[in-house]
């Protein structure tokens, strides 16, 4: 079998089989209420080097695949975000995606530092580990809310989708900045805090600016590029999305923020063949999610998960029951209209998914010490989050009386 996998035909066969199996097991997930994203990760682990023996030990390739997949997923999520539906929740959503991410990073980072023995000089590494996990995963939130057909009261659905789509760029910026500080502090030149702040601001400005230009430009091109074959329109849009991410990244801006913002701008403008393009993006998003989760599952080593299990379980429980709730409650303090039931539910919807795992690859490929352990811990925490929080979302919404009844017009 391993000789077969060393050929191109073998890799293609492997991919086809894994994709087919992933789709088949979604029936199992639906029957038992298991999030399908967990099953995709499990399939990757099952067929990996410590399972059926597929060797995949290339974090750089996984990072590149993840970047492409996340670009399409975030853009698609942005396109589904309507100004009229998020207008009332922009302020709390952005508070969660900025202050909430920062507070989660600080609280969880110092908790990690404490449980690992308060090792001198390890605070930054602990904060880096926390930063990779500080955002809720847009793919997971979008998938589970829609898969379970959950319609929430008090405009919570749009707020959660806005938060999960817009907090990935914040978590990414914190991750990259902490990597720069750690790597810089290990070098002879030390850390320039002015450069750190400047880089942070530039990432935001460049990300928003390129997103705005890309969204407006995409609408202009789609409406004026008269192509005889309708099927080419969505392909043209994907090329714009990937160009937006890569160009922004080359300019040291935040590519994830750029593609998400571009999706929002385009989604709220008129453009031709919207239905066909939306259908294509829906299919592409699912394909990217499955492919990305399988690749990440292949990359992880279950034996290393056993080594980090005590720390990962402690961190996962802390984030679910302390870190996320405290950061949410503090971030939402100014918004008096949100009832306590809504705040509690938002606290529970802190799902981790592929985004934290992909962000956790960055320390690994950038030479941070224990980078592979960071990746494994984040992977473990993500599985805990998807199983515990993902499987109880409907239950929590029902218990808190936040599901819209038939005929309810809230």
Protein backbone atom coordinates (compact mmCIF):
# COMPACT_ATOMS: atom_id res chain seq x y z
CA UNK A 1 0.00 0.00 0.00
CA UNK A 2 2.80 2.43 0.92
CA UNK A 3 4.53 1.87 -2.44
CA UNK A 4 1.26 2.72 -4.17
CA UNK A 5 0.95 5.98 -2.22
CA UNK A 6 4.35 7.15 -3.44
CA UNK A 7 2.90 7.65 -6.94
CA UNK A 8 0.63 10.46 -8.14
CA UNK A 9 -2.13 7.95 -8.90
CA UNK A 10 -1.79 6.60 -5.38
CA UNK A 11 -2.18 10.05 -3.80
CA UNK A 12 -5.17 10.79 -6.01
CA UNK A 13 -6.77 7.48 -5.05
CA UNK A 14 -6.10 8.20 -1.37
CA UNK A 15 -7.74 11.63 -1.60
CA UNK A 16 -10.78 10.24 -3.41
CA UNK A 17 -11.27 7.46 -0.86
CA UNK A 18 -10.90 9.81 2.11
CA UNK A 19 -13.35 12.32 0.65
CA UNK A 20 -15.89 9.57 -0.06
CA UNK A 21 -15.56 8.11 3.43
CA UNK A 22 -15.89 11.59 4.97
CA UNK A 23 -19.19 12.18 3.20
CA UNK A 24 -20.49 8.76 4.19
CA UNK A 25 -19.74 9.27 7.89
CA UNK A 26 -21.80 12.47 7.96
CA UNK A 27 -24.82 10.16 8.22
CA UNK A 28 -23.32 8.78 11.43
CA UNK A 29 -22.82 12.30 12.73
CA UNK A 30 -26.40 13.27 11.98
CA UNK A 31 -27.77 10.17 13.72
CA UNK A 32 -25.75 10.60 16.94
CA UNK A 33 -25.45 14.38 16.98
CA UNK A 34 -21.68 14.34 16.47
CA UNK A 35 -20.33 17.44 14.66
CA UNK A 36 -19.21 16.34 11.21
CA UNK A 37 -16.02 18.36 11.56
CA UNK A 38 -14.90 16.04 14.39
CA UNK A 39 -15.49 13.05 12.14
CA UNK A 40 -13.37 14.60 9.37
CA UNK A 41 -10.49 15.11 11.84
CA UNK A 42 -10.95 11.54 13.08
CA UNK A 43 -10.73 10.13 9.56
CA UNK A 44 -7.46 11.98 9.01
CA UNK A 45 -6.05 10.58 12.26
CA UNK A 46 -7.31 7.07 11.47
CA UNK A 47 -5.55 6.99 8.11
CA UNK A 48 -2.43 8.83 9.30
CA UNK A 49 1.05 7.51 10.00
CA UNK A 50 0.00 5.96 13.32
CA UNK A 51 -3.19 4.53 11.84
CA UNK A 52 -3.36 2.95 8.39
CA UNK A 53 0.06 4.38 7.60
CA UNK A 54 -0.38 7.35 5.28
CA UNK A 55 2.74 9.45 5.88
CA UNK A 56 2.13 13.19 5.94
CA UNK A 57 4.68 15.24 7.86
CA UNK A 58 4.72 18.56 6.06
CA UNK A 59 3.44 21.45 8.20
CA UNK A 60 4.37 23.97 5.50
CA UNK A 61 2.08 22.25 2.98
CA UNK A 62 -0.68 22.01 5.59
CA UNK A 63 -0.32 25.71 6.31
CA UNK A 64 -0.57 26.58 2.61
CA UNK A 65 -3.62 24.33 2.12
CA UNK A 66 -5.21 25.87 5.20
CA UNK A 67 -4.60 29.41 3.95
CA UNK A 68 -6.34 28.69 0.63
CA UNK A 69 -9.23 26.90 2.35
CA UNK A 70 -9.73 29.61 4.98
CA UNK A 71 -9.65 32.33 2.33
CA UNK A 72 -12.60 30.75 0.53
CA UNK A 73 -14.46 29.89 3.75
CA UNK A 74 -14.09 33.40 5.20
CA UNK A 75 -15.01 35.07 1.92
CA UNK A 76 -18.11 32.89 1.60
CA UNK A 77 -19.07 33.66 5.21
CA UNK A 78 -18.62 37.37 4.53
CA UNK A 79 -20.81 37.19 1.45
CA UNK A 80 -23.63 35.71 3.55
CA UNK A 81 -23.42 38.62 6.01
CA UNK A 82 -26.07 41.27 5.27
CA UNK A 83 -25.73 44.81 6.56
CA UNK A 84 -29.40 44.89 7.51
CA UNK A 85 -29.06 41.78 9.67
CA UNK A 86 -25.85 42.81 11.46
CA UNK A 87 -26.47 46.55 11.78
CA UNK A 88 -27.93 46.16 15.27
CA UNK A 89 -25.16 43.81 16.43
CA UNK A 90 -22.05 45.37 14.88
CA UNK A 91 -20.87 46.92 18.14
CA UNK A 92 -21.20 43.82 20.38
CA UNK A 93 -19.91 41.57 17.58
CA UNK A 94 -16.77 43.66 17.09
CA UNK A 95 -16.28 43.94 20.87
CA UNK A 96 -16.26 40.15 21.07
CA UNK A 97 -13.92 39.79 18.09
CA UNK A 98 -11.35 42.29 19.41
CA UNK A 99 -11.49 42.78 23.19
CA UNK A 100 -12.89 39.27 23.66
CA UNK A 101 -9.99 37.70 21.73
CA UNK A 102 -7.43 39.77 23.65
CA UNK A 103 -8.92 38.89 27.05
CA UNK A 104 -9.14 35.19 26.12
CA UNK A 105 -5.47 35.24 25.12
CA UNK A 106 -4.36 36.92 28.35
CA UNK A 107 -6.49 34.82 30.71
CA UNK A 108 -5.71 31.51 29.01
CA UNK A 109 -2.05 32.37 28.47
CA UNK A 110 -1.39 33.05 32.13
CA UNK A 111 -3.37 29.95 33.10
CA UNK A 112 -1.14 27.85 30.81
CA UNK A 113 1.96 29.49 32.30
CA UNK A 114 0.68 28.71 35.81
CA UNK A 115 -0.19 25.02 35.22
CA UNK A 116 3.11 24.39 33.45
CA UNK A 117 5.07 25.52 36.50
CA UNK A 118 5.51 29.29 36.01
CA UNK A 119 8.73 28.66 34.10
CA UNK A 120 10.78 31.83 33.79
CA UNK A 121 10.69 33.20 30.26
CA UNK A 122 7.82 30.95 29.20
CA UNK A 123 5.09 33.59 29.51
CA UNK A 124 5.33 34.63 25.85
CA UNK A 125 5.16 31.03 24.67
CA UNK A 126 2.10 30.45 26.87
CA UNK A 127 0.45 33.58 25.47
CA UNK A 128 1.30 32.42 21.93
CA UNK A 129 -0.38 29.06 22.57
CA UNK A 130 -3.43 30.90 23.92
CA UNK A 131 -3.49 33.34 20.98
CA UNK A 132 -3.73 30.52 18.43
CA UNK A 133 -6.89 29.32 20.22
CA UNK A 134 -8.37 32.70 21.08
CA UNK A 135 -10.88 32.97 18.24
CA UNK A 136 -14.03 31.01 17.63
CA UNK A 137 -13.85 29.13 14.36
CA UNK A 138 -16.07 30.56 11.64
CA UNK A 139 -16.22 27.28 9.70
CA UNK A 140 -17.36 25.40 12.81
CA UNK A 141 -19.93 27.99 13.88
CA UNK A 142 -21.36 28.44 10.36
CA UNK A 143 -21.49 24.68 9.81
CA UNK A 144 -23.11 23.69 13.11
CA UNK A 145 -25.69 26.49 13.24
CA UNK A 146 -26.82 25.70 9.70
CA UNK A 147 -26.42 21.95 9.93
CA UNK A 148 -28.71 21.86 13.00
CA UNK A 149 -31.02 24.48 11.46
CA UNK A 150 -30.78 26.54 14.65
CA UNK A 151 -32.60 29.90 14.45
CA UNK A 152 -31.87 32.04 17.50
CA UNK A 153 -33.80 34.84 19.15
CA UNK A 154 -32.53 38.35 19.88
CA UNK A 155 -30.50 38.52 16.66
CA UNK A 156 -27.91 36.20 18.20
CA UNK A 157 -27.31 34.27 14.97
CA UNK A 158 -25.96 37.26 13.00
CA UNK A 159 -23.92 38.40 16.02
CA UNK A 160 -22.27 35.00 16.43
CA UNK A 161 -21.52 34.74 12.72
CA UNK A 162 -20.12 38.28 12.69
CA UNK A 163 -17.94 37.50 15.70
CA UNK A 164 -16.70 34.17 14.36
CA UNK A 165 -15.90 35.66 10.96
CA UNK A 166 -14.18 38.81 12.26
CA UNK A 167 -12.23 37.41 15.22
CA UNK A 168 -10.01 35.12 13.12
CA UNK A 169 -7.99 38.11 11.79
CA UNK A 170 -7.50 39.43 15.35
CA UNK A 171 -6.27 36.04 16.58
CA UNK A 172 -4.00 35.76 13.55
CA UNK A 173 -2.46 39.17 14.20
CA UNK A 174 -1.80 38.30 17.86
CA UNK A 175 -0.26 34.98 16.80
CA UNK A 176 2.06 36.54 14.23
CA UNK A 177 3.07 39.41 16.53
CA UNK A 178 3.88 37.04 19.41
CA UNK A 179 5.93 34.84 17.06
CA UNK A 180 7.88 37.94 15.94
CA UNK A 181 8.48 38.96 19.56
CA UNK A 182 9.63 35.46 20.60
CA UNK A 183 11.88 34.99 17.57
CA UNK A 184 13.17 38.56 17.89
CA UNK A 185 13.92 38.21 21.59
CA UNK A 186 15.99 35.11 20.81
CA UNK A 187 18.08 37.02 18.31
CA UNK A 188 20.89 39.49 18.80
CA UNK A 189 18.87 42.58 17.84
CA UNK A 190 16.10 42.11 20.42
CA UNK A 191 12.55 43.37 20.05
CA UNK A 192 11.49 46.74 18.65
CA UNK A 193 8.13 47.48 20.28
CA UNK A 194 7.57 50.41 17.94
CA UNK A 195 7.88 48.03 15.00
CA UNK A 196 5.50 45.58 16.69
CA UNK A 197 2.79 48.23 17.14
CA UNK A 198 3.37 49.56 13.63
CA UNK A 199 3.03 46.07 12.17
CA UNK A 200 -0.20 45.52 14.09
CA UNK A 201 -1.73 48.75 12.78
CA UNK A 202 -0.49 48.10 9.24
CA UNK A 203 -2.08 44.64 9.19
CA UNK A 204 -5.48 46.12 10.08
CA UNK A 205 -5.26 49.07 7.69
CA UNK A 206 -3.98 46.98 4.78
CA UNK A 207 -6.50 44.21 5.43
CA UNK A 208 -9.52 46.53 5.51
CA UNK A 209 -8.25 48.63 2.61
CA UNK A 210 -7.57 45.68 0.34
CA UNK A 211 -10.85 44.05 1.35
CA UNK A 212 -12.80 47.17 0.42
CA UNK A 213 -11.01 47.53 -2.92
CA UNK A 214 -11.37 43.84 -3.71
CA UNK A 215 -15.08 43.71 -2.87
CA UNK A 216 -15.88 46.78 -4.96
CA UNK A 217 -13.58 45.62 -7.75
CA UNK A 218 -15.12 42.14 -7.82
CA UNK A 219 -18.61 43.61 -8.20
CA UNK A 220 -17.39 45.84 -11.05
CA UNK A 221 -15.67 42.96 -12.86
CA UNK A 222 -18.58 40.52 -12.46
CA UNK A 223 -21.10 43.03 -13.79
CA UNK A 224 -19.01 44.11 -16.78
CA UNK A 225 -17.10 41.00 -17.78
CA UNK A 226 -19.65 39.44 -20.09
CA UNK A 227 -18.70 35.77 -20.28
CA UNK A 228 -20.85 33.42 -22.36
CA UNK A 229 -20.42 30.50 -19.95
CA UNK A 230 -22.05 31.24 -16.57
CA UNK A 231 -19.95 28.54 -14.90
CA UNK A 232 -16.85 30.72 -15.36
CA UNK A 233 -18.15 33.55 -13.14
CA UNK A 234 -17.59 31.81 -9.79
CA UNK A 235 -14.17 30.59 -10.94
CA UNK A 236 -13.25 34.17 -11.80
CA UNK A 237 -14.42 35.26 -8.34
CA UNK A 238 -12.29 32.59 -6.63
CA UNK A 239 -9.27 33.88 -8.53
CA UNK A 240 -10.01 37.38 -7.17
CA UNK A 241 -10.32 36.00 -3.63
CA UNK A 242 -6.99 34.16 -3.79
CA UNK A 243 -5.30 37.18 -5.40
CA UNK A 244 -6.67 39.39 -2.61
CA UNK A 245 -5.30 37.13 0.10
CA UNK A 246 -1.89 36.60 -1.49
CA UNK A 247 -1.33 40.26 -2.46
CA UNK A 248 -2.36 41.48 1.00
CA UNK A 249 -0.09 38.90 2.59
CA UNK A 250 2.82 39.92 0.34
CA UNK A 251 2.27 43.51 1.50
CA UNK A 252 2.46 42.29 5.13
CA UNK A 253 -1.23 42.99 5.67
CA UNK A 254 -3.81 40.64 7.13
CA UNK A 255 -5.00 38.49 4.24
CA UNK A 256 -7.74 36.81 6.28
CA UNK A 257 -9.24 40.17 7.24
CA UNK A 258 -9.02 41.29 3.61
CA UNK A 259 -10.95 38.34 2.15
CA UNK A 260 -13.61 38.42 4.90
CA UNK A 261 -14.17 42.14 4.43
CA UNK A 262 -14.18 41.71 0.64
CA UNK A 263 -16.93 39.11 1.02
CA UNK A 264 -19.04 41.49 3.11
CA UNK A 265 -18.60 44.33 0.61
CA UNK A 266 -19.46 42.16 -2.42
CA UNK A 267 -22.31 40.36 -0.66
CA UNK A 268 -24.06 43.67 -0.02
CA UNK A 269 -23.79 44.91 -3.60
CA UNK A 270 -25.68 43.94 -6.73
CA UNK A 271 -23.87 41.59 -9.10
CA UNK A 272 -24.95 39.20 -11.83
CA UNK A 273 -25.44 35.46 -11.38
CA UNK A 274 -25.56 35.73 -7.58
CA UNK A 275 -27.45 32.44 -7.13
CA UNK A 276 -25.04 30.43 -9.28
CA UNK A 277 -22.01 31.98 -7.58
CA UNK A 278 -23.44 31.41 -4.08
CA UNK A 279 -24.20 27.78 -4.91
CA UNK A 280 -20.65 27.24 -6.19
CA UNK A 281 -19.14 28.86 -3.09
CA UNK A 282 -21.32 26.66 -0.87
CA UNK A 283 -19.96 23.55 -2.55
CA UNK A 284 -16.39 24.89 -2.52
CA UNK A 285 -16.65 25.74 1.18
CA UNK A 286 -17.71 22.21 2.11
CA UNK A 287 -14.97 20.70 -0.06
CA UNK A 288 -12.36 22.95 1.52
CA UNK A 289 -13.59 22.15 5.03
CA UNK A 290 -13.44 18.40 4.45
CA UNK A 291 -10.05 18.54 2.72
CA UNK A 292 -8.58 20.87 5.35
CA UNK A 293 -9.78 18.81 8.33
CA UNK A 294 -8.52 15.56 6.79
CA UNK A 295 -5.08 17.07 6.11
CA UNK A 296 -4.86 18.38 9.68
CA UNK A 297 -5.89 14.96 10.98
CA UNK A 298 -3.15 13.30 8.92
CA UNK A 299 -0.58 15.77 10.27
CA UNK A 300 -1.17 15.14 13.98
CA UNK A 301 0.47 12.26 15.87
CA UNK A 302 -1.95 10.56 18.32
CA UNK A 303 0.99 9.40 20.45
CA UNK A 304 1.97 13.04 21.02
CA UNK A 305 -1.64 13.80 21.96
CA UNK A 306 -1.29 11.34 24.84
CA UNK A 307 1.83 13.17 26.02
CA UNK A 308 0.08 16.54 26.17
CA UNK A 309 -3.32 15.22 27.30
CA UNK A 310 -3.22 16.53 30.91
CA UNK A 311 -2.31 20.07 29.83
CA UNK A 312 -4.70 20.04 26.86
CA UNK A 313 -7.68 18.84 28.92
CA UNK A 314 -6.99 21.44 31.63
CA UNK A 315 -6.68 24.22 29.04
CA UNK A 316 -9.80 23.10 27.17
CA UNK A 317 -11.91 23.06 30.34
CA UNK A 318 -10.50 26.43 31.46
CA UNK A 319 -11.36 28.04 28.11
CA UNK A 320 -14.90 26.63 28.14
CA UNK A 321 -15.79 27.45 31.73
CA UNK A 322 -13.58 30.44 32.62
CA UNK A 323 -11.64 32.05 29.78
CA UNK A 324 -14.42 32.36 27.21
CA UNK A 325 -17.24 33.24 29.69
CA UNK A 326 -15.21 35.93 31.47
CA UNK A 327 -14.02 37.51 28.20
CA UNK A 328 -17.57 37.51 26.79
CA UNK A 329 -19.18 38.94 29.93
CA UNK A 330 -16.56 41.71 30.18
CA UNK A 331 -16.72 42.53 26.44
CA UNK A 332 -20.52 42.78 26.52
CA UNK A 333 -20.77 44.90 29.69
CA UNK A 334 -21.61 48.12 27.77
CA UNK A 335 -24.52 46.48 25.93
CA UNK A 336 -27.34 46.58 28.46
CA UNK A 337 -30.04 45.37 26.07
CA UNK A 338 -28.53 41.89 25.86
CA UNK A 339 -30.23 39.69 28.44
CA UNK A 340 -28.27 37.35 30.71
CA UNK A 341 -29.55 34.25 28.84
CA UNK A 342 -28.10 35.60 25.60
CA UNK A 343 -24.76 36.40 27.24
CA UNK A 344 -24.55 32.90 28.71
CA UNK A 345 -25.28 31.29 25.34
CA UNK A 346 -22.68 33.44 23.58
CA UNK A 347 -20.21 32.38 26.29
CA UNK A 348 -20.87 28.74 25.44
CA UNK A 349 -20.55 29.19 21.66
CA UNK A 350 -16.77 29.38 21.80
CA UNK A 351 -16.12 26.58 19.34
CA UNK A 352 -12.58 25.91 18.23
CA UNK A 353 -12.03 24.31 14.85
CA UNK A 354 -9.67 24.28 11.89
CA UNK A 355 -8.68 27.94 12.27
CA UNK A 356 -6.88 27.53 15.63
CA UNK A 357 -5.18 24.36 14.34
CA UNK A 358 -3.92 26.17 11.24
CA UNK A 359 -2.76 29.15 13.31
CA UNK A 360 -0.95 26.67 15.57
CA UNK A 361 1.14 25.55 12.58
CA UNK A 362 2.72 29.04 12.31
CA UNK A 363 4.89 28.70 15.46
CA UNK A 364 5.96 25.26 14.21
CA UNK A 365 7.13 26.43 10.79
CA UNK A 366 8.67 29.65 12.14
CA UNK A 367 11.06 27.86 14.46
CA UNK A 368 9.45 28.58 17.82
CA UNK A 369 10.61 26.13 20.49
CA UNK A 370 8.04 23.38 21.23
CA UNK A 371 6.12 24.50 18.13
CA UNK A 372 5.06 20.92 17.43
CA UNK A 373 3.74 20.61 20.99
CA UNK A 374 1.74 23.82 20.54
CA UNK A 375 0.15 22.32 17.43
CA UNK A 376 -0.71 19.06 19.21
CA UNK A 377 -2.21 20.81 22.26
CA UNK A 378 -4.36 23.05 20.05
CA UNK A 379 -5.52 20.01 18.08
CA UNK A 380 -6.53 18.23 21.31
CA UNK A 381 -8.34 21.31 22.67
CA UNK A 382 -10.19 21.69 19.37
CA UNK A 383 -11.51 18.13 19.54
CA UNK A 384 -12.68 18.71 23.12
CA UNK A 385 -14.42 21.93 22.10
CA UNK A 386 -16.13 20.46 19.05
CA UNK A 387 -17.39 17.43 20.97
CA UNK A 388 -18.48 19.13 24.21
CA UNK A 389 -19.69 22.49 22.89
CA UNK A 390 -20.63 21.40 19.39
CA UNK A 391 -22.85 18.56 20.61
CA UNK A 392 -24.60 20.72 23.22
CA UNK A 393 -25.38 23.86 21.21
CA UNK A 394 -28.99 22.87 20.54
CA UNK A 395 -29.47 21.72 24.14
CA UNK A 396 -28.05 24.98 25.53
CA UNK A 397 -30.21 27.09 23.22
CA UNK A 398 -33.34 25.17 24.27
CA UNK A 399 -32.51 25.35 27.98
CA UNK A 400 -32.00 29.10 27.72
CA UNK A 401 -35.19 29.49 25.64
CA UNK A 402 -33.36 31.11 22.74
CA UNK A 403 -34.64 29.03 19.80
CA UNK A 404 -37.21 30.73 17.60
CA UNK A 405 -40.50 28.83 17.59
CA UNK A 406 -42.46 28.35 14.37
CA UNK A 407 -44.31 31.53 13.70
CA UNK A 408 -42.13 33.47 16.11
CA UNK A 409 -41.19 36.71 14.41
CA UNK A 410 -38.45 37.76 16.74
